[in-house]
Amino acid sequence: MFSSAEAALEAMKTGLEFMRRVRERPVEKGGLIPAIAVTAYDEDFAAVMARAAGFAAYLTKPIKFVTLCMLVYHVAGIKRERDDSAA
């Protein structure tokens, strides 16, 4: 039986693996789709792991609406720049 911390860590690993697989896809099949990791882990290792897996940003709970909006705008801007440079 898993503790709640073990279950949360397993869920984080699943999310990281999912993002790694997304990043392996070709651009035209969504390989560069912007993504923000959202987690309850407020540890440096979690942010590093999220970035290494391919998340553009990392956000911890509880989420402030203004922070989320600014982060989405920033991540969307990164995507636009990549699209513009590829053309």
PDB file of N, CA and C in Angstrom:
ATOM      1  N   MET A   1       0.837  -1.178   0.000  1.00  0.00           N
ATOM      2  CA  MET A   1       0.000   0.000   0.000  1.00  0.00           C
ATOM      3  C   MET A   1       0.884   1.244   0.000  1.00  0.00           C
ATOM      4  N   PHE A   2       0.563   2.196  -0.877  1.00  0.00           N
ATOM      5  CA  PHE A   2       1.330   3.434  -0.992  1.00  0.00           C
ATOM      6  C   PHE A   2       0.868   4.455   0.038  1.00  0.00           C
ATOM      7  N   SER A   3       1.822   5.226   0.552  1.00  0.00           N
ATOM      8  CA  SER A   3       1.447   6.392   1.345  1.00  0.00           C
ATOM      9  C   SER A   3       1.058   7.498   0.372  1.00  0.00           C
ATOM     10  N   SER A   4       0.449   8.557   0.857  1.00  0.00           N
ATOM     11  CA  SER A   4       0.056   9.646  -0.038  1.00  0.00           C
ATOM     12  C   SER A   4       1.283  10.292  -0.677  1.00  0.00           C
ATOM     13  N   ALA A   5       2.389  10.364   0.032  1.00  0.00           N
ATOM     14  CA  ALA A   5       3.613  10.936  -0.538  1.00  0.00           C
ATOM     15  C   ALA A   5       4.156  10.046  -1.649  1.00  0.00           C
ATOM     16  N   GLU A   6       4.122   8.737  -1.445  1.00  0.00           N
ATOM     17  CA  GLU A   6       4.587   7.809  -2.480  1.00  0.00           C
ATOM     18  C   GLU A   6       3.699   7.875  -3.717  1.00  0.00           C
ATOM     19  N   ALA A   7       2.407   7.979  -3.509  1.00  0.00           N
ATOM     20  CA  ALA A   7       1.470   8.081  -4.630  1.00  0.00           C
ATOM     21  C   ALA A   7       1.706   9.379  -5.406  1.00  0.00           C
ATOM     22  N   ALA A   8       1.949  10.460  -4.696  1.00  0.00           N
ATOM     23  CA  ALA A   8       2.209  11.738  -5.360  1.00  0.00           C
ATOM     24  C   ALA A   8       3.508  11.681  -6.150  1.00  0.00           C
ATOM     25  N   LEU A   9       4.529  11.053  -5.596  1.00  0.00           N
ATOM     26  CA  LEU A   9       5.801  10.924  -6.307  1.00  0.00           C
ATOM     27  C   LEU A   9       5.631  10.066  -7.552  1.00  0.00           C
ATOM     28  N   GLU A  10       4.848   9.007  -7.463  1.00  0.00           N
ATOM     29  CA  GLU A  10       4.596   8.146  -8.625  1.00  0.00           C
ATOM     30  C   GLU A  10       3.845   8.926  -9.705  1.00  0.00           C
ATOM     31  N   ALA A  11       2.893   9.748  -9.310  1.00  0.00           N
ATOM     32  CA  ALA A  11       2.155  10.577 -10.275  1.00  0.00           C
ATOM     33  C   ALA A  11       3.088  11.572 -10.953  1.00  0.00           C
ATOM     34  N   MET A  12       4.020  12.146 -10.189  1.00  0.00           N
ATOM     35  CA  MET A  12       4.976  13.087 -10.768  1.00  0.00           C
ATOM     36  C   MET A  12       5.841  12.372 -11.801  1.00  0.00           C
ATOM     37  N   LYS A  13       6.308  11.168 -11.497  1.00  0.00           N
ATOM     38  CA  LYS A  13       7.129  10.409 -12.437  1.00  0.00           C
ATOM     39  C   LYS A  13       6.351  10.120 -13.715  1.00  0.00           C
ATOM     40  N   THR A  14       5.060   9.803 -13.572  1.00  0.00           N
ATOM     41  CA  THR A  14       4.221   9.534 -14.730  1.00  0.00           C
ATOM     42  C   THR A  14       4.094  10.771 -15.603  1.00  0.00           C
ATOM     43  N   GLY A  15       3.911  11.927 -14.995  1.00  0.00           N
ATOM     44  CA  GLY A  15       3.812  13.183 -15.738  1.00  0.00           C
ATOM     45  C   GLY A  15       5.110  13.529 -16.450  1.00  0.00           C
ATOM     46  N   LEU A  16       6.223  13.284 -15.807  1.00  0.00           N
ATOM     47  CA  LEU A  16       7.521  13.554 -16.420  1.00  0.00           C
ATOM     48  C   LEU A  16       7.749  12.640 -17.620  1.00  0.00           C
ATOM     49  N   GLU A  17       7.403  11.377 -17.475  1.00  0.00           N
ATOM     50  CA  GLU A  17       7.562  10.435 -18.583  1.00  0.00           C
ATOM     51  C   GLU A  17       6.647  10.813 -19.745  1.00  0.00           C
ATOM     52  N   PHE A  18       5.429  11.230 -19.431  1.00  0.00           N
ATOM     53  CA  PHE A  18       4.511  11.673 -20.473  1.00  0.00           C
ATOM     54  C   PHE A  18       5.123  12.839 -21.255  1.00  0.00           C
ATOM     55  N   MET A  19       5.690  13.822 -20.552  1.00  0.00           N
ATOM     56  CA  MET A  19       6.269  14.986 -21.236  1.00  0.00           C
ATOM     57  C   MET A  19       7.483  14.579 -22.059  1.00  0.00           C
ATOM     58  N   ARG A  20       8.292  13.661 -21.576  1.00  0.00           N
ATOM     59  CA  ARG A  20       9.434  13.181 -22.368  1.00  0.00           C
ATOM     60  C   ARG A  20       8.955  12.583 -23.687  1.00  0.00           C
ATOM     61  N   ARG A  21       7.883  11.828 -23.620  1.00  0.00           N
ATOM     62  CA  ARG A  21       7.335  11.212 -24.838  1.00  0.00           C
ATOM     63  C   ARG A  21       6.756  12.258 -25.778  1.00  0.00           C
ATOM     64  N   VAL A  22       6.117  13.277 -25.241  1.00  0.00           N
ATOM     65  CA  VAL A  22       5.610  14.362 -26.080  1.00  0.00           C
ATOM     66  C   VAL A  22       6.767  15.036 -26.796  1.00  0.00           C
ATOM     67  N   ARG A  23       7.847  15.311 -26.094  1.00  0.00           N
ATOM     68  CA  ARG A  23       9.000  15.997 -26.690  1.00  0.00           C
ATOM     69  C   ARG A  23       9.696  15.155 -27.757  1.00  0.00           C
ATOM     70  N   GLU A  24       9.519  13.846 -27.736  1.00  0.00           N
ATOM     71  CA  GLU A  24      10.093  12.984 -28.763  1.00  0.00           C
ATOM     72  C   GLU A  24       9.325  13.061 -30.079  1.00  0.00           C
ATOM     73  N   ARG A  25       8.125  13.580 -30.034  1.00  0.00           N
ATOM     74  CA  ARG A  25       7.285  13.651 -31.240  1.00  0.00           C
ATOM     75  C   ARG A  25       7.790  14.739 -32.178  1.00  0.00           C
ATOM     76  N   PRO A  26       7.545  14.586 -33.464  1.00  0.00           N
ATOM     77  CA  PRO A  26       7.904  15.651 -34.412  1.00  0.00           C
ATOM     78  C   PRO A  26       7.103  16.917 -34.118  1.00  0.00           C
ATOM     79  N   VAL A  27       7.645  18.057 -34.511  1.00  0.00           N
ATOM     80  CA  VAL A  27       6.989  19.343 -34.275  1.00  0.00           C
ATOM     81  C   VAL A  27       5.574  19.337 -34.824  1.00  0.00           C
ATOM     82  N   GLU A  28       5.399  18.827 -36.029  1.00  0.00           N
ATOM     83  CA  GLU A  28       4.071  18.844 -36.647  1.00  0.00           C
ATOM     84  C   GLU A  28       3.072  17.924 -35.939  1.00  0.00           C
ATOM     85  N   LYS A  29       3.555  17.086 -35.043  1.00  0.00           N
ATOM     86  CA  LYS A  29       2.682  16.201 -34.267  1.00  0.00           C
ATOM     87  C   LYS A  29       2.646  16.613 -32.799  1.00  0.00           C
ATOM     88  N   GLY A  30       3.015  17.874 -32.513  1.00  0.00           N
ATOM     89  CA  GLY A  30       2.887  18.407 -31.159  1.00  0.00           C
ATOM     90  C   GLY A  30       4.122  18.350 -30.297  1.00  0.00           C
ATOM     91  N   GLY A  31       5.273  18.030 -30.868  1.00  0.00           N
ATOM     92  CA  GLY A  31       6.492  17.890 -30.076  1.00  0.00           C
ATOM     93  C   GLY A  31       6.952  19.142 -29.354  1.00  0.00           C
ATOM     94  N   LEU A  32       6.523  20.299 -29.806  1.00  0.00           N
ATOM     95  CA  LEU A  32       6.909  21.548 -29.144  1.00  0.00           C
ATOM     96  C   LEU A  32       5.743  22.234 -28.432  1.00  0.00           C
ATOM     97  N   ILE A  33       4.644  21.526 -28.235  1.00  0.00           N
ATOM     98  CA  ILE A  33       3.497  22.136 -27.571  1.00  0.00           C
ATOM     99  C   ILE A  33       3.918  22.663 -26.196  1.00  0.00           C
ATOM    100  N   PRO A  34       3.542  23.894 -25.871  1.00  0.00           N
ATOM    101  CA  PRO A  34       3.934  24.450 -24.573  1.00  0.00           C
ATOM    102  C   PRO A  34       3.272  23.687 -23.427  1.00  0.00           C
ATOM    103  N   ALA A  35       3.999  23.479 -22.357  1.00  0.00           N
ATOM    104  CA  ALA A  35       3.450  22.765 -21.202  1.00  0.00           C
ATOM    105  C   ALA A  35       4.021  23.326 -19.914  1.00  0.00           C
ATOM    106  N   ILE A  36       3.176  23.405 -18.917  1.00  0.00           N
ATOM    107  CA  ILE A  36       3.561  23.880 -17.590  1.00  0.00           C
ATOM    108  C   ILE A  36       3.341  22.740 -16.600  1.00  0.00           C
ATOM    109  N   ALA A  37       4.356  22.402 -15.840  1.00  0.00           N
ATOM    110  CA  ALA A  37       4.223  21.393 -14.791  1.00  0.00           C
ATOM    111  C   ALA A  37       3.575  22.054 -13.579  1.00  0.00           C
ATOM    112  N   VAL A  38       2.554  21.418 -13.043  1.00  0.00           N
ATOM    113  CA  VAL A  38       1.868  21.910 -11.841  1.00  0.00           C
ATOM    114  C   VAL A  38       1.922  20.800 -10.802  1.00  0.00           C
ATOM    115  N   THR A  39       2.463  21.118  -9.635  1.00  0.00           N
ATOM    116  CA  THR A  39       2.653  20.099  -8.611  1.00  0.00           C
ATOM    117  C   THR A  39       2.604  20.710  -7.222  1.00  0.00           C
ATOM    118  N   ALA A  40       2.459  19.850  -6.238  1.00  0.00           N
ATOM    119  CA  ALA A  40       2.520  20.277  -4.845  1.00  0.00           C
ATOM    120  C   ALA A  40       3.959  20.249  -4.324  1.00  0.00           C
ATOM    121  N   TYR A  41       4.868  19.659  -5.098  1.00  0.00           N
ATOM    122  CA  TYR A  41       6.273  19.584  -4.676  1.00  0.00           C
ATOM    123  C   TYR A  41       6.948  20.935  -4.827  1.00  0.00           C
ATOM    124  N   ASP A  42       7.361  21.502  -3.715  1.00  0.00           N
ATOM    125  CA  ASP A  42       8.069  22.782  -3.732  1.00  0.00           C
ATOM    126  C   ASP A  42       9.538  22.526  -3.395  1.00  0.00           C
ATOM    127  N   GLU A  43      10.139  21.650  -4.157  1.00  0.00           N
ATOM    128  CA  GLU A  43      11.534  21.270  -3.954  1.00  0.00           C
ATOM    129  C   GLU A  43      12.325  21.591  -5.218  1.00  0.00           C
ATOM    130  N   ASP A  44      13.579  21.987  -5.043  1.00  0.00           N
ATOM    131  CA  ASP A  44      14.417  22.320  -6.201  1.00  0.00           C
ATOM    132  C   ASP A  44      14.531  21.156  -7.176  1.00  0.00           C
ATOM    133  N   PHE A  45      14.650  19.927  -6.652  1.00  0.00           N
ATOM    134  CA  PHE A  45      14.821  18.774  -7.548  1.00  0.00           C
ATOM    135  C   PHE A  45      13.621  18.596  -8.468  1.00  0.00           C
ATOM    136  N   ALA A  46      12.419  18.908  -7.991  1.00  0.00           N
ATOM    137  CA  ALA A  46      11.218  18.731  -8.812  1.00  0.00           C
ATOM    138  C   ALA A  46      11.218  19.703  -9.983  1.00  0.00           C
ATOM    139  N   ALA A  47      11.627  20.940  -9.760  1.00  0.00           N
ATOM    140  CA  ALA A  47      11.691  21.925 -10.846  1.00  0.00           C
ATOM    141  C   ALA A  47      12.741  21.519 -11.872  1.00  0.00           C
ATOM    142  N   VAL A  48      13.871  21.052 -11.417  1.00  0.00           N
ATOM    143  CA  VAL A  48      14.940  20.615 -12.321  1.00  0.00           C
ATOM    144  C   VAL A  48      14.470  19.424 -13.153  1.00  0.00           C
ATOM    145  N   MET A  49      13.801  18.483 -12.519  1.00  0.00           N
ATOM    146  CA  MET A  49      13.311  17.305 -13.234  1.00  0.00           C
ATOM    147  C   MET A  49      12.245  17.694 -14.264  1.00  0.00           C
ATOM    148  N   ALA A  50      11.386  18.627 -13.912  1.00  0.00           N
ATOM    149  CA  ALA A  50      10.338  19.071 -14.839  1.00  0.00           C
ATOM    150  C   ALA A  50      10.948  19.738 -16.068  1.00  0.00           C
ATOM    151  N   ARG A  51      11.911  20.616 -15.849  1.00  0.00           N
ATOM    152  CA  ARG A  51      12.577  21.279 -16.981  1.00  0.00           C
ATOM    153  C   ARG A  51      13.315  20.266 -17.849  1.00  0.00           C
ATOM    154  N   ALA A  52      13.999  19.329 -17.217  1.00  0.00           N
ATOM    155  CA  ALA A  52      14.742  18.316 -17.971  1.00  0.00           C
ATOM    156  C   ALA A  52      13.806  17.431 -18.799  1.00  0.00           C
ATOM    157  N   ALA A  53      12.600  17.218 -18.322  1.00  0.00           N
ATOM    158  CA  ALA A  53      11.641  16.391 -19.053  1.00  0.00           C
ATOM    159  C   ALA A  53      11.042  17.128 -20.236  1.00  0.00           C
ATOM    160  N   GLY A  54      11.150  18.461 -20.254  1.00  0.00           N
ATOM    161  CA  GLY A  54      10.637  19.223 -21.380  1.00  0.00           C
ATOM    162  C   GLY A  54       9.545  20.210 -21.064  1.00  0.00           C
ATOM    163  N   PHE A  55       9.187  20.340 -19.790  1.00  0.00           N
ATOM    164  CA  PHE A  55       8.213  21.367 -19.431  1.00  0.00           C
ATOM    165  C   PHE A  55       8.849  22.738 -19.594  1.00  0.00           C
ATOM    166  N   ALA A  56       8.091  23.687 -20.110  1.00  0.00           N
ATOM    167  CA  ALA A  56       8.600  25.043 -20.326  1.00  0.00           C
ATOM    168  C   ALA A  56       8.647  25.821 -19.022  1.00  0.00           C
ATOM    169  N   ALA A  57       7.820  25.437 -18.053  1.00  0.00           N
ATOM    170  CA  ALA A  57       7.757  26.150 -16.784  1.00  0.00           C
ATOM    171  C   ALA A  57       7.279  25.197 -15.702  1.00  0.00           C
ATOM    172  N   TYR A  58       7.394  25.648 -14.468  1.00  0.00           N
ATOM    173  CA  TYR A  58       7.085  24.837 -13.301  1.00  0.00           C
ATOM    174  C   TYR A  58       6.323  25.706 -12.313  1.00  0.00           C
ATOM    175  N   LEU A  59       5.214  25.218 -11.810  1.00  0.00           N
ATOM    176  CA  LEU A  59       4.371  25.985 -10.898  1.00  0.00           C
ATOM    177  C   LEU A  59       3.961  25.093  -9.741  1.00  0.00           C
ATOM    178  N   THR A  60       4.060  25.623  -8.519  1.00  0.00           N
ATOM    179  CA  THR A  60       3.666  24.843  -7.351  1.00  0.00           C
ATOM    180  C   THR A  60       2.318  25.309  -6.813  1.00  0.00           C
ATOM    181  N   LYS A  61       1.616  24.375  -6.210  1.00  0.00           N
ATOM    182  CA  LYS A  61       0.333  24.664  -5.575  1.00  0.00           C
ATOM    183  C   LYS A  61       0.586  25.249  -4.192  1.00  0.00           C
ATOM    184  N   PRO A  62      -0.257  26.093  -3.673  1.00  0.00           N
ATOM    185  CA  PRO A  62      -1.482  26.606  -4.294  1.00  0.00           C
ATOM    186  C   PRO A  62      -1.139  27.618  -5.391  1.00  0.00           C
ATOM    187  N   ILE A  63      -1.952  27.627  -6.413  1.00  0.00           N
ATOM    188  CA  ILE A  63      -1.701  28.475  -7.576  1.00  0.00           C
ATOM    189  C   ILE A  63      -2.428  29.803  -7.434  1.00  0.00           C
ATOM    190  N   LYS A  64      -1.688  30.868  -7.653  1.00  0.00           N
ATOM    191  CA  LYS A  64      -2.297  32.203  -7.684  1.00  0.00           C
ATOM    192  C   LYS A  64      -2.710  32.483  -9.124  1.00  0.00           C
ATOM    193  N   PHE A  65      -3.938  32.934  -9.303  1.00  0.00           N
ATOM    194  CA  PHE A  65      -4.478  33.144 -10.634  1.00  0.00           C
ATOM    195  C   PHE A  65      -3.602  34.078 -11.472  1.00  0.00           C
ATOM    196  N   VAL A  66      -3.142  35.179 -10.899  1.00  0.00           N
ATOM    197  CA  VAL A  66      -2.325  36.146 -11.640  1.00  0.00           C
ATOM    198  C   VAL A  66      -1.017  35.502 -12.080  1.00  0.00           C
ATOM    199  N   THR A  67      -0.411  34.719 -11.207  1.00  0.00           N
ATOM    200  CA  THR A  67       0.835  34.033 -11.551  1.00  0.00           C
ATOM    201  C   THR A  67       0.607  33.055 -12.694  1.00  0.00           C
ATOM    202  N   LEU A  68      -0.476  32.298 -12.627  1.00  0.00           N
ATOM    203  CA  LEU A  68      -0.791  31.347 -13.690  1.00  0.00           C
ATOM    204  C   LEU A  68      -0.991  32.071 -15.019  1.00  0.00           C
ATOM    205  N   CYS A  69      -1.732  33.160 -15.013  1.00  0.00           N
ATOM    206  CA  CYS A  69      -1.970  33.919 -16.251  1.00  0.00           C
ATOM    207  C   CYS A  69      -0.670  34.441 -16.842  1.00  0.00           C
ATOM    208  N   MET A  70       0.196  34.982 -16.000  1.00  0.00           N
ATOM    209  CA  MET A  70       1.481  35.502 -16.493  1.00  0.00           C
ATOM    210  C   MET A  70       2.337  34.372 -17.051  1.00  0.00           C
ATOM    211  N   LEU A  71       2.322  33.230 -16.405  1.00  0.00           N
ATOM    212  CA  LEU A  71       3.119  32.092 -16.861  1.00  0.00           C
ATOM    213  C   LEU A  71       2.595  31.540 -18.183  1.00  0.00           C
ATOM    214  N   VAL A  72       1.283  31.442 -18.319  1.00  0.00           N
ATOM    215  CA  VAL A  72       0.699  30.977 -19.588  1.00  0.00           C
ATOM    216  C   VAL A  72       1.067  31.941 -20.706  1.00  0.00           C
ATOM    217  N   TYR A  73       0.985  33.232 -20.445  1.00  0.00           N
ATOM    218  CA  TYR A  73       1.354  34.226 -21.453  1.00  0.00           C
ATOM    219  C   TYR A  73       2.829  34.062 -21.849  1.00  0.00           C
ATOM    220  N   HIS A  74       3.684  33.868 -20.868  1.00  0.00           N
ATOM    221  CA  HIS A  74       5.116  33.696 -21.139  1.00  0.00           C
ATOM    222  C   HIS A  74       5.375  32.433 -21.969  1.00  0.00           C
ATOM    223  N   VAL A  75       4.776  31.326 -21.554  1.00  0.00           N
ATOM    224  CA  VAL A  75       4.989  30.063 -22.267  1.00  0.00           C
ATOM    225  C   VAL A  75       4.423  30.151 -23.686  1.00  0.00           C
ATOM    226  N   ALA A  76       3.288  30.763 -23.844  1.00  0.00           N
ATOM    227  CA  ALA A  76       2.713  30.943 -25.183  1.00  0.00           C
ATOM    228  C   ALA A  76       3.628  31.804 -26.044  1.00  0.00           C
ATOM    229  N   GLY A  77       4.276  32.784 -25.446  1.00  0.00           N
ATOM    230  CA  GLY A  77       5.235  33.623 -26.171  1.00  0.00           C
ATOM    231  C   GLY A  77       6.441  32.840 -26.634  1.00  0.00           C
ATOM    232  N   ILE A  78       6.914  31.926 -25.814  1.00  0.00           N
ATOM    233  CA  ILE A  78       8.034  31.071 -26.203  1.00  0.00           C
ATOM    234  C   ILE A  78       7.637  30.251 -27.422  1.00  0.00           C
ATOM    235  N   LYS A  79       6.441  29.705 -27.423  1.00  0.00           N
ATOM    236  CA  LYS A  79       5.963  28.893 -28.542  1.00  0.00           C
ATOM    237  C   LYS A  79       5.899  29.731 -29.810  1.00  0.00           C
ATOM    238  N   ARG A  80       5.365  30.962 -29.716  1.00  0.00           N
ATOM    239  CA  ARG A  80       5.264  31.832 -30.884  1.00  0.00           C
ATOM    240  C   ARG A  80       6.634  32.132 -31.462  1.00  0.00           C
ATOM    241  N   GLU A  81       7.615  32.389 -30.597  1.00  0.00           N
ATOM    242  CA  GLU A  81       8.967  32.683 -31.079  1.00  0.00           C
ATOM    243  C   GLU A  81       9.529  31.485 -31.833  1.00  0.00           C
ATOM    244  N   ARG A  82       9.333  30.304 -31.335  1.00  0.00           N
ATOM    245  CA  ARG A  82       9.832  29.095 -32.011  1.00  0.00           C
ATOM    246  C   ARG A  82       9.154  28.939 -33.364  1.00  0.00           C
ATOM    247  N   ASP A  83       7.850  29.175 -33.415  1.00  0.00           N
ATOM    248  CA  ASP A  83       7.125  29.055 -34.690  1.00  0.00           C
ATOM    249  C   ASP A  83       7.614  30.073 -35.684  1.00  0.00           C
ATOM    250  N   ASP A  84       7.829  31.333 -35.232  1.00  0.00           N
ATOM    251  CA  ASP A  84       8.293  32.396 -36.135  1.00  0.00           C
ATOM    252  C   ASP A  84       9.672  32.099 -36.690  1.00  0.00           C
ATOM    253  N   SER A  85      10.548  31.556 -35.865  1.00  0.00           N
ATOM    254  CA  SER A  85      11.923  31.317 -36.324  1.00  0.00           C
ATOM    255  C   SER A  85      11.995  30.132 -37.277  1.00  0.00           C
ATOM    256  N   ALA A  86      11.012  29.221 -37.203  1.00  0.00           N
ATOM    257  CA  ALA A  86      11.027  28.053 -38.069  1.00  0.00           C
ATOM    258  C   ALA A  86      10.530  28.361 -39.482  1.00  0.00           C
ATOM    259  N   ALA A  87       9.828  29.474 -39.619  1.00  0.00           N
ATOM    260  CA  ALA A  87       9.232  29.810 -40.923  1.00  0.00           C
ATOM    261  C   ALA A  87      10.234  30.398 -41.887  1.00  0.00           C
TER     262      ALA A  87
END
